[in-house]
Amino acid sequence: MKRGLLAYVAGLVFSLGLGLSGMTQPAKVIGFLDFAGRWDPSLLVVMAGAVGVYAVGSRLVLRRPRPVLDTRFHVPPLVRVEPKELLGAAVFGVGWGLGGYCPGPAIVSMATGAAPVFVFVAAMVAGMAGHDALTRLRRASENTASARPLSRAA
């Protein structure tokens, strides 16, 4: 119960921050990405504020012996960046630039009832589902290939 309530409050604060900063307006995002036209740097200010809060907050939180609602911290190890991650980031960036939304603001913007937001979210969910399906197929194919006995050469 406590964990769910805190997750709800965190989501509410996040969505309010997105709305108040204007990040749910595609024109704001597209203006930020329009370096050759009328560039709008306000998104940079919002991002810098978020990075600053994270930089300070994460260091303070990780000084604690354990999280408030878990037995240990789950910090991923530092690993090298894979080519598939770069490709995913590029696809995300293209979608962000074309649609003017990233996932969080898109979900928040659904509250407006605007049809383009629902089209974007539907495409986003379809892309996620497609990725999951392809990943499962690839893993199943790899498992099948590794389970086959080696044939003897004649």
C-alpha atoms as a PDB file:
ATOM      1  CA  MET A   1       0.000   0.000   0.000  1.00  0.00           C
ATOM      2  CA  LYS A   2       2.728   2.448   1.033  1.00  0.00           C
ATOM      3  CA  ARG A   3       4.824   1.623  -2.043  1.00  0.00           C
ATOM      4  CA  GLY A   4       1.862   2.135  -4.374  1.00  0.00           C
ATOM      5  CA  LEU A   5       0.957   5.440  -2.755  1.00  0.00           C
ATOM      6  CA  LEU A   6       4.519   6.729  -3.087  1.00  0.00           C
ATOM      7  CA  ALA A   7       4.635   5.607  -6.730  1.00  0.00           C
ATOM      8  CA  TYR A   8       1.382   7.465  -7.357  1.00  0.00           C
ATOM      9  CA  VAL A   9       2.700  10.641  -5.696  1.00  0.00           C
ATOM     10  CA  ALA A  10       5.960  10.444  -7.666  1.00  0.00           C
ATOM     11  CA  GLY A  11       4.027  10.025 -10.916  1.00  0.00           C
ATOM     12  CA  LEU A  12       1.738  12.896 -10.034  1.00  0.00           C
ATOM     13  CA  VAL A  13       4.668  15.224  -9.263  1.00  0.00           C
ATOM     14  CA  PHE A  14       6.395  14.151 -12.496  1.00  0.00           C
ATOM     15  CA  SER A  15       3.285  14.745 -14.607  1.00  0.00           C
ATOM     16  CA  LEU A  16       2.659  18.127 -12.981  1.00  0.00           C
ATOM     17  CA  GLY A  17       6.270  19.094 -13.673  1.00  0.00           C
ATOM     18  CA  LEU A  18       5.925  18.081 -17.316  1.00  0.00           C
ATOM     19  CA  GLY A  19       2.714  20.052 -17.669  1.00  0.00           C
ATOM     20  CA  LEU A  20       3.928  23.174 -15.876  1.00  0.00           C
ATOM     21  CA  SER A  21       7.192  23.267 -17.838  1.00  0.00           C
ATOM     22  CA  GLY A  22       5.337  22.995 -21.158  1.00  0.00           C
ATOM     23  CA  MET A  23       6.937  19.678 -22.094  1.00  0.00           C
ATOM     24  CA  THR A  24       3.545  18.262 -23.050  1.00  0.00           C
ATOM     25  CA  GLN A  25       3.344  20.746 -25.932  1.00  0.00           C
ATOM     26  CA  PRO A  26       4.837  19.255 -29.122  1.00  0.00           C
ATOM     27  CA  ALA A  27       5.566  22.766 -30.453  1.00  0.00           C
ATOM     28  CA  LYS A  28       7.924  23.303 -27.486  1.00  0.00           C
ATOM     29  CA  VAL A  29       9.871  20.124 -28.261  1.00  0.00           C
ATOM     30  CA  ILE A  30       9.969  20.746 -32.003  1.00  0.00           C
ATOM     31  CA  GLY A  31      11.090  24.338 -31.331  1.00  0.00           C
ATOM     32  CA  PHE A  32      13.964  22.972 -29.250  1.00  0.00           C
ATOM     33  CA  LEU A  33      15.018  20.686 -32.103  1.00  0.00           C
ATOM     34  CA  ASP A  34      14.751  23.460 -34.744  1.00  0.00           C
ATOM     35  CA  PHE A  35      18.366  24.638 -34.741  1.00  0.00           C
ATOM     36  CA  ALA A  36      18.080  26.197 -38.204  1.00  0.00           C
ATOM     37  CA  GLY A  37      14.896  28.167 -37.429  1.00  0.00           C
ATOM     38  CA  ARG A  38      13.501  29.793 -34.297  1.00  0.00           C
ATOM     39  CA  TRP A  39      15.313  27.703 -31.706  1.00  0.00           C
ATOM     40  CA  ASP A  40      13.574  27.544 -28.305  1.00  0.00           C
ATOM     41  CA  PRO A  41      16.137  26.784 -25.539  1.00  0.00           C
ATOM     42  CA  SER A  42      13.545  26.392 -22.755  1.00  0.00           C
ATOM     43  CA  LEU A  43      13.654  22.587 -22.957  1.00  0.00           C
ATOM     44  CA  LEU A  44      17.402  22.778 -22.325  1.00  0.00           C
ATOM     45  CA  VAL A  45      16.717  24.705 -19.111  1.00  0.00           C
ATOM     46  CA  VAL A  46      14.199  22.070 -17.987  1.00  0.00           C
ATOM     47  CA  MET A  47      16.627  19.255 -18.800  1.00  0.00           C
ATOM     48  CA  ALA A  48      19.493  21.000 -16.986  1.00  0.00           C
ATOM     49  CA  GLY A  49      17.271  21.418 -13.922  1.00  0.00           C
ATOM     50  CA  ALA A  50      16.311  17.736 -14.000  1.00  0.00           C
ATOM     51  CA  VAL A  51      19.929  16.608 -14.383  1.00  0.00           C
ATOM     52  CA  GLY A  52      20.961  18.887 -11.516  1.00  0.00           C
ATOM     53  CA  VAL A  53      18.278  17.536  -9.196  1.00  0.00           C
ATOM     54  CA  TYR A  54      19.225  13.960 -10.128  1.00  0.00           C
ATOM     55  CA  ALA A  55      22.966  14.600  -9.658  1.00  0.00           C
ATOM     56  CA  VAL A  56      22.465  15.897  -6.140  1.00  0.00           C
ATOM     57  CA  GLY A  57      19.535  13.667  -5.171  1.00  0.00           C
ATOM     58  CA  SER A  58      21.070  10.382  -6.295  1.00  0.00           C
ATOM     59  CA  ARG A  59      24.253  11.025  -4.335  1.00  0.00           C
ATOM     60  CA  LEU A  60      22.264  11.829  -1.200  1.00  0.00           C
ATOM     61  CA  VAL A  61      20.007   8.801  -1.561  1.00  0.00           C
ATOM     62  CA  LEU A  62      22.878   6.384  -2.248  1.00  0.00           C
ATOM     63  CA  ARG A  63      24.528   7.435   1.044  1.00  0.00           C
ATOM     64  CA  ARG A  64      21.724   5.698   2.900  1.00  0.00           C
ATOM     65  CA  PRO A  65      22.325   2.085   3.957  1.00  0.00           C
ATOM     66  CA  ARG A  66      19.266   0.959   1.965  1.00  0.00           C
ATOM     67  CA  PRO A  67      16.258   2.414   0.156  1.00  0.00           C
ATOM     68  CA  VAL A  68      13.128   3.306   2.098  1.00  0.00           C
ATOM     69  CA  LEU A  69      10.951   0.658   0.447  1.00  0.00           C
ATOM     70  CA  ASP A  70      13.427  -2.088  -0.466  1.00  0.00           C
ATOM     71  CA  THR A  71      16.183  -4.131   1.126  1.00  0.00           C
ATOM     72  CA  ARG A  72      18.946  -2.953  -1.223  1.00  0.00           C
ATOM     73  CA  PHE A  73      19.683  -0.524  -4.041  1.00  0.00           C
ATOM     74  CA  HIS A  74      19.416  -1.861  -7.594  1.00  0.00           C
ATOM     75  CA  VAL A  75      22.092   0.145  -9.414  1.00  0.00           C
ATOM     76  CA  PRO A  76      22.994  -1.239 -12.843  1.00  0.00           C
ATOM     77  CA  PRO A  77      26.680  -1.835 -13.490  1.00  0.00           C
ATOM     78  CA  LEU A  78      28.555   0.387 -15.903  1.00  0.00           C
ATOM     79  CA  VAL A  79      28.908  -1.411 -19.217  1.00  0.00           C
ATOM     80  CA  ARG A  80      29.927  -0.407 -22.683  1.00  0.00           C
ATOM     81  CA  VAL A  81      27.315   1.012 -25.019  1.00  0.00           C
ATOM     82  CA  GLU A  82      26.090  -1.544 -27.548  1.00  0.00           C
ATOM     83  CA  PRO A  83      25.332  -0.672 -31.201  1.00  0.00           C
ATOM     84  CA  LYS A  84      21.703  -1.746 -30.738  1.00  0.00           C
ATOM     85  CA  GLU A  85      21.375   0.855 -27.946  1.00  0.00           C
ATOM     86  CA  LEU A  86      22.692   3.579 -30.259  1.00  0.00           C
ATOM     87  CA  LEU A  87      20.196   2.479 -32.914  1.00  0.00           C
ATOM     88  CA  GLY A  88      17.390   2.536 -30.336  1.00  0.00           C
ATOM     89  CA  ALA A  89      18.406   6.034 -29.225  1.00  0.00           C
ATOM     90  CA  ALA A  90      18.403   7.202 -32.847  1.00  0.00           C
ATOM     91  CA  VAL A  91      14.934   5.745 -33.482  1.00  0.00           C
ATOM     92  CA  PHE A  92      13.697   7.346 -30.254  1.00  0.00           C
ATOM     93  CA  GLY A  93      15.165  10.702 -31.339  1.00  0.00           C
ATOM     94  CA  VAL A  94      13.515  10.534 -34.749  1.00  0.00           C
ATOM     95  CA  GLY A  95      10.158   9.714 -33.157  1.00  0.00           C
ATOM     96  CA  TRP A  96      10.648  12.514 -30.642  1.00  0.00           C
ATOM     97  CA  GLY A  97      11.438  14.974 -33.404  1.00  0.00           C
ATOM     98  CA  LEU A  98       8.585  13.915 -35.667  1.00  0.00           C
ATOM     99  CA  GLY A  99       5.914  13.615 -33.004  1.00  0.00           C
ATOM    100  CA  GLY A 100       7.093  16.192 -30.496  1.00  0.00           C
ATOM    101  CA  TYR A 101       6.507  13.746 -27.653  1.00  0.00           C
ATOM    102  CA  CYS A 102       8.537  11.318 -25.630  1.00  0.00           C
ATOM    103  CA  PRO A 103       6.763   8.624 -23.590  1.00  0.00           C
ATOM    104  CA  GLY A 104       6.181  10.511 -20.314  1.00  0.00           C
ATOM    105  CA  PRO A 105       4.753  13.694 -21.812  1.00  0.00           C
ATOM    106  CA  ALA A 106       2.685  11.645 -24.273  1.00  0.00           C
ATOM    107  CA  ILE A 107       0.993   9.736 -21.456  1.00  0.00           C
ATOM    108  CA  VAL A 108       0.368  12.987 -19.543  1.00  0.00           C
ATOM    109  CA  SER A 109      -0.989  14.624 -22.708  1.00  0.00           C
ATOM    110  CA  MET A 110      -3.615  11.916 -23.098  1.00  0.00           C
ATOM    111  CA  ALA A 111      -5.566  13.874 -20.486  1.00  0.00           C
ATOM    112  CA  THR A 112      -6.214  16.512 -23.164  1.00  0.00           C
ATOM    113  CA  GLY A 113      -8.190  14.017 -25.233  1.00  0.00           C
ATOM    114  CA  ALA A 114      -6.456  15.198 -28.428  1.00  0.00           C
ATOM    115  CA  ALA A 115      -6.538  12.539 -31.158  1.00  0.00           C
ATOM    116  CA  PRO A 116      -2.892  13.018 -32.261  1.00  0.00           C
ATOM    117  CA  VAL A 117      -1.720  12.128 -28.760  1.00  0.00           C
ATOM    118  CA  PHE A 118      -3.673   8.865 -28.835  1.00  0.00           C
ATOM    119  CA  VAL A 119      -2.250   8.049 -32.271  1.00  0.00           C
ATOM    120  CA  PHE A 120       1.265   8.683 -30.954  1.00  0.00           C
ATOM    121  CA  VAL A 121       0.713   6.562 -27.829  1.00  0.00           C
ATOM    122  CA  ALA A 122      -0.833   3.751 -29.906  1.00  0.00           C
ATOM    123  CA  ALA A 123       2.185   3.801 -32.246  1.00  0.00           C
ATOM    124  CA  MET A 124       4.514   3.854 -29.241  1.00  0.00           C
ATOM    125  CA  VAL A 125       2.785   0.855 -27.647  1.00  0.00           C
ATOM    126  CA  ALA A 126       2.787  -0.992 -30.991  1.00  0.00           C
ATOM    127  CA  GLY A 127       6.517  -0.349 -31.335  1.00  0.00           C
ATOM    128  CA  MET A 128       7.165  -1.652 -27.814  1.00  0.00           C
ATOM    129  CA  ALA A 129       5.034  -4.736 -28.433  1.00  0.00           C
ATOM    130  CA  GLY A 130       6.772  -5.328 -31.770  1.00  0.00           C
ATOM    131  CA  HIS A 131      10.181  -5.086 -30.126  1.00  0.00           C
ATOM    132  CA  ASP A 132       9.138  -7.524 -27.407  1.00  0.00           C
ATOM    133  CA  ALA A 133       7.755  -9.988 -29.960  1.00  0.00           C
ATOM    134  CA  LEU A 134      10.913  -9.837 -32.085  1.00  0.00           C
ATOM    135  CA  THR A 135      13.100 -10.258 -29.006  1.00  0.00           C
ATOM    136  CA  ARG A 136      11.124 -13.342 -27.924  1.00  0.00           C
ATOM    137  CA  LEU A 137      11.345 -14.820 -31.440  1.00  0.00           C
ATOM    138  CA  ARG A 138      15.092 -14.208 -31.597  1.00  0.00           C
ATOM    139  CA  ARG A 139      15.653 -15.799 -28.189  1.00  0.00           C
ATOM    140  CA  ALA A 140      13.476 -18.792 -29.086  1.00  0.00           C
ATOM    141  CA  SER A 141      15.399 -19.209 -32.339  1.00  0.00           C
ATOM    142  CA  GLU A 142      18.733 -19.033 -30.498  1.00  0.00           C
ATOM    143  CA  ASN A 143      17.540 -21.585 -27.932  1.00  0.00           C
ATOM    144  CA  THR A 144      16.326 -23.929 -30.669  1.00  0.00           C
ATOM    145  CA  ALA A 145      19.597 -23.612 -32.584  1.00  0.00           C
ATOM    146  CA  SER A 146      21.701 -24.312 -29.487  1.00  0.00           C
ATOM    147  CA  ALA A 147      19.556 -27.335 -28.564  1.00  0.00           C
ATOM    148  CA  ARG A 148      20.041 -29.077 -31.944  1.00  0.00           C
ATOM    149  CA  PRO A 149      22.524 -31.934 -31.912  1.00  0.00           C
ATOM    150  CA  LEU A 150      25.553 -31.477 -34.138  1.00  0.00           C
ATOM    151  CA  SER A 151      25.354 -33.614 -37.256  1.00  0.00           C
ATOM    152  CA  ARG A 152      28.228 -35.821 -38.163  1.00  0.00           C
ATOM    153  CA  ALA A 153      30.102 -35.070 -41.324  1.00  0.00           C
ATOM    154  CA  ALA A 154      30.006 -37.961 -43.781  1.00  0.00           C
END
